[in-house]
Amino acid sequence: MTAMQVKLGNTTLRNPVVLAAGTCGVMGEIKDAINLSTIGAITTKSITKDPRVGNSPVRMTTLSNGMLNAIGLANEGIQSFIEKQSAKAKSIDTTVIGSVAGDSIDGYVEVANAMNEIDGIDLVEINVSCPNTSDGLEFGGCPKRLSSLLNEIKPVLTNTGMLVKLSATPGDIRPHAKAAIECGADALTLINTIPSLAIDVESRNPKISREVGGLSGEIIHPIAVRIVYEIYRDVAKEASIPIIGTGGIMRWEDAAEFILAGASAVGIGTASFVNPAIAPIISKKLEKWVQRQGCNSINELVGALSIH
């Protein structure tokens, strides 16, 4: 392996920088802004069994130190995804992670099975943590329900690795991470957006139509770093399960924090809306950081937080 390569299950990424679900197009349309060969992976938009129109506008608003959104998993559905998007996967010059969402076990399994059969998709990320639908946290909010879901999904992923994306809520999610690993997760993605509310004080109305949405951006970064650290220390390290740390990466130092806290890879989301070209920049600066640290591989820095 080269100095920047990392492994998620049986899949090797050229570097640890991953573009998060819903932030780089349906199937890597962000390639119009960046050279995808300079990053480790992209994640597709989260796809459900049936098409979803999502929530009514206003669905997104910017805040002084973050972004609030309630898109509601708007997507074309798996059948349209197969017909219109799947052929693009094998031509994308980076690892492709297929994102799966749903509101029933059967729905998740059908989409996961379809993703598993697409040439060019190497990993499947099970999104059990989206807070922007009325049922989005149903499976991710309970370890037993999560296990019941993943135990049905894992057997159909015969060609791809299984990533499980967990939310920061409810409370201590170490039991959820442990359940995911026991069900065969090849990696964990931590964390998704955090349910939050923003109010326009003049109109006295919520700033987005659905009232509560998912908070992202630099405001959640220290929370995400803390959760990655706790899951790595108490659950993932002993099990040798890698973590994709995501939440508020706006500069390379934020990504480096995740690595030191225990993440093997880092997911970039909101920053791509601010600057679509940010991911390759972060990748290059992480490589220089590894060199300055005197390490032969970025993997030597995973979990290398110095505790006094």
Protein backbone atom coordinates (compact mmCIF):
# COMPACT_ATOMS: atom_id res chain seq x y z
CA MET A 1 0.00 0.00 0.00
CA THR A 2 1.09 3.57 -0.67
CA ALA A 3 1.35 6.15 2.09
CA MET A 4 -2.20 7.43 1.58
CA GLN A 5 -4.08 4.21 0.82
CA VAL A 6 -6.64 2.97 3.34
CA LYS A 7 -8.80 -0.15 3.45
CA LEU A 8 -12.53 -0.37 4.07
CA GLY A 9 -13.26 -4.07 4.30
CA ASN A 10 -11.70 -5.68 1.24
CA THR A 11 -11.71 -2.42 -0.73
CA THR A 12 -8.61 -0.24 -0.93
CA LEU A 13 -9.07 3.50 -1.39
CA ARG A 14 -6.22 5.46 -2.96
CA ASN A 15 -6.55 8.03 -0.16
CA PRO A 16 -8.89 8.57 2.79
CA VAL A 17 -10.99 11.38 1.32
CA VAL A 18 -14.60 10.37 0.62
CA LEU A 19 -17.40 12.58 -0.72
CA ALA A 20 -20.48 11.98 1.41
CA ALA A 21 -23.91 10.90 0.18
CA GLY A 22 -26.07 13.63 -1.30
CA THR A 23 -23.24 16.11 -1.72
CA CYS A 24 -21.62 15.18 -5.04
CA GLY A 25 -24.62 14.41 -7.26
CA VAL A 26 -26.49 11.19 -7.87
CA MET A 27 -23.54 9.39 -9.46
CA GLY A 28 -20.53 11.67 -9.21
CA GLU A 29 -21.66 14.68 -11.22
CA ILE A 30 -19.15 16.68 -9.17
CA LYS A 31 -16.58 15.33 -11.66
CA ASP A 32 -17.33 18.52 -13.62
CA ALA A 33 -15.61 20.44 -10.82
CA ILE A 34 -12.85 18.07 -9.66
CA ASN A 35 -10.69 15.23 -10.94
CA LEU A 36 -12.13 12.19 -9.19
CA SER A 37 -8.81 10.35 -9.49
CA THR A 38 -7.49 12.69 -6.76
CA ILE A 39 -9.84 11.41 -4.05
CA GLY A 40 -10.52 8.07 -2.40
CA ALA A 41 -14.23 7.56 -3.06
CA ILE A 42 -17.58 9.13 -3.84
CA THR A 43 -20.93 8.15 -2.36
CA THR A 44 -24.08 8.13 -4.45
CA LYS A 45 -27.20 9.94 -3.42
CA SER A 46 -29.20 7.83 -0.97
CA ILE A 47 -31.57 5.67 -3.01
CA THR A 48 -34.85 4.17 -1.82
CA LYS A 49 -37.06 1.45 -3.29
CA ASP A 50 -39.65 3.88 -4.64
CA PRO A 51 -39.13 7.43 -5.94
CA ARG A 52 -39.42 10.17 -3.35
CA VAL A 53 -40.20 13.82 -4.03
CA GLY A 54 -38.86 14.80 -0.63
CA ASN A 55 -40.08 17.56 1.64
CA SER A 56 -41.73 20.78 0.49
CA PRO A 57 -39.57 23.90 0.10
CA VAL A 58 -37.94 25.65 1.87
CA ARG A 59 -35.69 22.60 2.36
CA MET A 60 -32.32 24.19 3.08
CA THR A 61 -30.95 27.28 4.79
CA THR A 62 -27.48 28.51 5.66
CA LEU A 63 -26.51 29.49 9.18
CA SER A 64 -23.55 31.50 10.44
CA ASN A 65 -21.50 28.36 11.11
CA GLY A 66 -23.35 25.59 9.33
CA MET A 67 -26.27 24.51 7.20
CA LEU A 68 -29.74 23.19 8.01
CA ASN A 69 -31.50 20.93 5.53
CA ALA A 70 -34.57 18.74 5.30
CA ILE A 71 -34.39 17.38 1.76
CA GLY A 72 -36.33 14.29 2.78
CA LEU A 73 -34.35 11.71 0.78
CA ALA A 74 -35.65 12.99 -2.55
CA ASN A 75 -34.48 10.51 -5.21
CA GLU A 76 -35.53 8.72 -8.38
CA GLY A 77 -35.99 5.27 -6.82
CA ILE A 78 -33.96 2.14 -7.46
CA GLN A 79 -35.50 1.15 -10.80
CA SER A 80 -34.74 4.51 -12.40
CA PHE A 81 -31.31 4.51 -10.74
CA ILE A 82 -30.49 1.17 -12.38
CA GLU A 83 -31.74 2.33 -15.78
CA LYS A 84 -30.21 5.83 -15.81
CA GLN A 85 -27.26 5.81 -13.43
CA SER A 86 -25.79 2.35 -12.92
CA ALA A 87 -23.84 2.23 -16.21
CA LYS A 88 -21.84 5.29 -15.11
CA ALA A 89 -20.35 3.57 -12.06
CA LYS A 90 -17.67 1.52 -13.81
CA SER A 91 -16.33 4.57 -15.68
CA ILE A 92 -15.84 6.72 -12.58
CA ASP A 93 -12.16 7.01 -11.70
CA THR A 94 -12.50 6.39 -8.00
CA THR A 95 -14.21 3.96 -5.63
CA VAL A 96 -18.00 4.22 -5.72
CA ILE A 97 -20.05 3.71 -2.58
CA GLY A 98 -23.76 3.10 -3.13
CA SER A 99 -25.99 4.69 -0.48
CA VAL A 100 -29.14 2.80 0.53
CA ALA A 101 -32.06 4.20 2.52
CA GLY A 102 -35.60 3.10 3.24
CA ASP A 103 -38.47 2.79 5.69
CA SER A 104 -38.91 -0.99 5.73
CA ILE A 105 -36.64 -4.01 5.87
CA ASP A 106 -37.91 -5.26 2.51
CA GLY A 107 -37.26 -1.88 0.92
CA TYR A 108 -33.70 -1.70 2.24
CA VAL A 109 -32.95 -5.26 1.14
CA GLU A 110 -34.30 -4.70 -2.39
CA VAL A 111 -32.16 -1.61 -2.91
CA ALA A 112 -29.07 -3.17 -1.32
CA ASN A 113 -29.45 -6.23 -3.53
CA ALA A 114 -29.70 -4.06 -6.63
CA MET A 115 -26.64 -2.01 -5.62
CA ASN A 116 -24.72 -5.25 -5.05
CA GLU A 117 -25.27 -6.24 -8.69
CA ILE A 118 -24.04 -2.96 -10.22
CA ASP A 119 -20.64 -3.23 -11.87
CA GLY A 120 -18.45 -0.47 -10.44
CA ILE A 121 -20.02 -0.19 -7.00
CA ASP A 122 -17.58 -1.69 -4.50
CA LEU A 123 -19.17 -0.71 -1.19
CA VAL A 124 -22.73 -0.19 -0.02
CA GLU A 125 -23.50 2.29 2.76
CA ILE A 126 -26.66 1.58 4.74
CA ASN A 127 -28.10 4.93 5.79
CA VAL A 128 -30.09 4.30 8.96
CA SER A 129 -29.51 7.79 10.29
CA CYS A 130 -31.22 10.37 8.11
CA PRO A 131 -33.20 12.70 10.44
CA ASN A 132 -35.11 14.44 7.64
CA THR A 133 -38.01 12.01 7.32
CA SER A 134 -40.60 11.01 9.89
CA ASP A 135 -39.24 7.45 9.97
CA GLY A 136 -35.58 8.03 9.17
CA LEU A 137 -34.25 7.17 12.61
CA GLU A 138 -36.46 4.17 13.25
CA PHE A 139 -33.81 1.53 12.55
CA GLY A 140 -30.78 3.58 13.57
CA GLY A 141 -32.36 4.58 16.88
CA CYS A 142 -32.57 1.08 18.36
CA PRO A 143 -29.77 -1.54 18.40
CA LYS A 144 -32.23 -4.44 18.20
CA ARG A 145 -34.09 -2.97 15.25
CA LEU A 146 -30.78 -2.13 13.61
CA SER A 147 -29.66 -5.74 14.01
CA SER A 148 -32.92 -7.02 12.54
CA LEU A 149 -32.33 -4.83 9.49
CA LEU A 150 -28.64 -5.57 8.96
CA ASN A 151 -29.08 -9.30 9.42
CA GLU A 152 -31.36 -9.25 6.39
CA ILE A 153 -29.14 -6.96 4.30
CA LYS A 154 -25.74 -8.55 4.89
CA PRO A 155 -26.49 -11.86 3.06
CA VAL A 156 -27.40 -10.08 -0.21
CA LEU A 157 -24.13 -8.11 -0.29
CA THR A 158 -22.12 -10.88 -1.90
CA ASN A 159 -20.04 -8.58 -4.13
CA THR A 160 -19.74 -5.49 -1.97
CA GLY A 161 -18.70 -4.51 1.53
CA MET A 162 -21.27 -3.14 4.00
CA LEU A 163 -20.83 0.27 5.59
CA VAL A 164 -23.30 1.40 8.24
CA LYS A 165 -23.98 5.12 8.68
CA LEU A 166 -25.06 6.02 12.20
CA SER A 167 -26.48 9.22 13.65
CA ALA A 168 -25.32 11.11 16.71
CA THR A 169 -28.72 10.49 18.24
CA PRO A 170 -30.06 9.03 20.41
CA GLY A 171 -27.45 9.66 23.10
CA ASP A 172 -24.73 7.06 23.50
CA ILE A 173 -24.53 5.18 20.19
CA ARG A 174 -21.84 2.73 21.21
CA PRO A 175 -24.48 -0.06 21.48
CA HIS A 176 -25.59 0.75 17.95
CA ALA A 177 -22.03 0.61 16.64
CA LYS A 178 -21.45 -2.70 18.41
CA ALA A 179 -24.67 -4.11 16.92
CA ALA A 180 -23.61 -3.04 13.42
CA ILE A 181 -20.21 -4.70 13.81
CA GLU A 182 -21.76 -7.90 15.15
CA CYS A 183 -23.99 -7.97 12.05
CA GLY A 184 -20.98 -7.86 9.75
CA ALA A 185 -20.35 -4.18 9.06
CA ASP A 186 -17.06 -3.70 7.21
CA ALA A 187 -16.88 -0.07 8.34
CA LEU A 188 -18.90 2.56 10.19
CA THR A 189 -19.69 6.04 8.94
CA LEU A 190 -19.97 8.56 11.81
CA ILE A 191 -21.94 10.83 11.90
CA ASN A 192 -24.92 12.10 9.94
CA THR A 193 -26.50 15.53 10.44
CA ILE A 194 -27.97 16.40 13.86
CA PRO A 195 -31.71 17.24 14.19
CA SER A 196 -31.98 20.98 14.87
CA LEU A 197 -34.33 23.97 14.59
CA ALA A 198 -33.66 27.50 13.31
CA ILE A 199 -36.24 30.31 13.59
CA ASP A 200 -36.66 33.58 11.67
CA VAL A 201 -37.27 36.00 14.53
CA GLU A 202 -39.07 38.58 12.37
CA SER A 203 -41.61 36.26 10.75
CA ARG A 204 -41.57 33.93 13.80
CA ASN A 205 -41.52 31.01 11.37
CA PRO A 206 -39.08 28.11 11.17
CA LYS A 207 -36.40 28.76 8.56
CA ILE A 208 -37.25 25.52 6.77
CA SER A 209 -40.73 24.26 6.03
CA ARG A 210 -40.43 20.99 7.91
CA GLU A 211 -39.37 22.92 11.02
CA VAL A 212 -36.70 20.47 12.24
CA GLY A 213 -33.90 19.57 9.85
CA GLY A 214 -30.41 18.14 9.82
CA LEU A 215 -27.62 20.42 11.02
CA SER A 216 -24.25 20.09 9.29
CA GLY A 217 -21.08 22.10 8.83
CA GLU A 218 -18.38 23.25 11.20
CA ILE A 219 -20.78 23.71 14.12
CA ILE A 220 -21.12 19.92 14.54
CA HIS A 221 -17.47 19.05 14.00
CA PRO A 222 -16.34 18.78 17.65
CA ILE A 223 -19.37 16.60 18.39
CA ALA A 224 -18.50 14.30 15.50
CA VAL A 225 -14.86 14.08 16.56
CA ARG A 226 -15.90 13.13 20.09
CA ILE A 227 -18.21 10.40 18.82
CA VAL A 228 -15.59 8.99 16.45
CA TYR A 229 -13.10 8.93 19.32
CA GLU A 230 -15.48 7.13 21.67
CA ILE A 231 -16.59 4.56 19.10
CA TYR A 232 -12.99 3.90 18.05
CA ARG A 233 -11.72 3.60 21.61
CA ASP A 234 -14.55 1.51 23.02
CA VAL A 235 -15.88 -0.52 20.09
CA ALA A 236 -14.17 -0.35 16.70
CA LYS A 237 -10.48 -0.58 17.61
CA GLU A 238 -10.74 -3.98 19.28
CA ALA A 239 -12.88 -5.27 16.41
CA SER A 240 -10.45 -3.83 13.78
CA ILE A 241 -13.36 -2.11 12.02
CA PRO A 242 -12.49 1.15 10.22
CA ILE A 243 -14.47 4.37 10.65
CA ILE A 244 -15.29 7.07 8.11
CA GLY A 245 -15.36 10.28 10.15
CA THR A 246 -17.77 12.84 8.76
CA GLY A 247 -19.23 16.03 10.12
CA GLY A 248 -18.03 19.58 9.65
CA ILE A 249 -14.83 19.05 7.69
CA MET A 250 -14.18 22.51 6.27
CA ARG A 251 -10.36 22.40 6.12
CA TRP A 252 -7.62 19.78 6.15
CA GLU A 253 -7.03 20.17 9.89
CA ASP A 254 -10.62 19.01 10.53
CA ALA A 255 -9.93 15.86 8.55
CA ALA A 256 -6.68 15.30 10.44
CA GLU A 257 -8.57 15.57 13.74
CA PHE A 258 -10.82 12.71 12.66
CA ILE A 259 -7.80 10.57 11.78
CA LEU A 260 -6.19 11.17 15.17
CA ALA A 261 -9.50 10.41 16.89
CA GLY A 262 -9.68 7.02 15.19
CA ALA A 263 -11.10 7.43 11.69
CA SER A 264 -9.39 5.62 8.82
CA ALA A 265 -11.17 7.77 6.22
CA VAL A 266 -12.96 11.10 6.22
CA GLY A 267 -16.25 12.14 4.62
CA ILE A 268 -16.69 15.63 3.16
CA GLY A 269 -20.21 17.01 2.77
CA THR A 270 -21.17 20.62 3.45
CA ALA A 271 -17.73 21.94 2.46
CA SER A 272 -18.36 20.75 -1.12
CA PHE A 273 -21.33 23.12 -1.34
CA VAL A 274 -19.11 25.99 -0.21
CA ASN A 275 -16.21 25.00 -2.48
CA PRO A 276 -16.75 22.05 -4.87
CA ALA A 277 -12.98 21.80 -5.38
CA ILE A 278 -12.15 21.38 -1.67
CA ALA A 279 -11.74 17.58 -1.55
CA PRO A 280 -8.54 17.30 -3.65
CA ILE A 281 -7.04 20.19 -1.68
CA ILE A 282 -7.70 18.42 1.61
CA SER A 283 -6.24 15.20 0.22
CA LYS A 284 -2.97 16.91 -0.78
CA LYS A 285 -2.63 18.69 2.54
CA LEU A 286 -3.27 15.47 4.46
CA GLU A 287 -0.44 13.84 2.53
CA LYS A 288 1.92 16.66 3.48
CA TRP A 289 0.80 16.33 7.10
CA VAL A 290 1.66 12.62 7.10
CA GLN A 291 5.13 13.47 5.80
CA ARG A 292 5.63 16.17 8.47
CA GLN A 293 4.62 13.67 11.14
CA GLY A 294 7.43 11.40 9.96
CA CYS A 295 5.07 8.55 9.08
CA ASN A 296 5.29 6.12 6.18
CA SER A 297 1.52 5.70 6.06
CA ILE A 298 -1.51 7.68 7.15
CA ASN A 299 -2.68 4.51 8.89
CA GLU A 300 0.05 5.09 11.51
CA LEU A 301 -1.87 8.21 12.59
CA VAL A 302 -5.27 6.53 12.97
CA GLY A 303 -6.21 6.82 16.64
CA ALA A 304 -2.86 8.42 17.48
CA LEU A 305 -4.38 11.07 19.73
CA SER A 306 -1.92 11.76 22.53
CA ILE A 307 -3.68 11.52 25.92
CA HIS A 308 -1.91 13.05 28.94
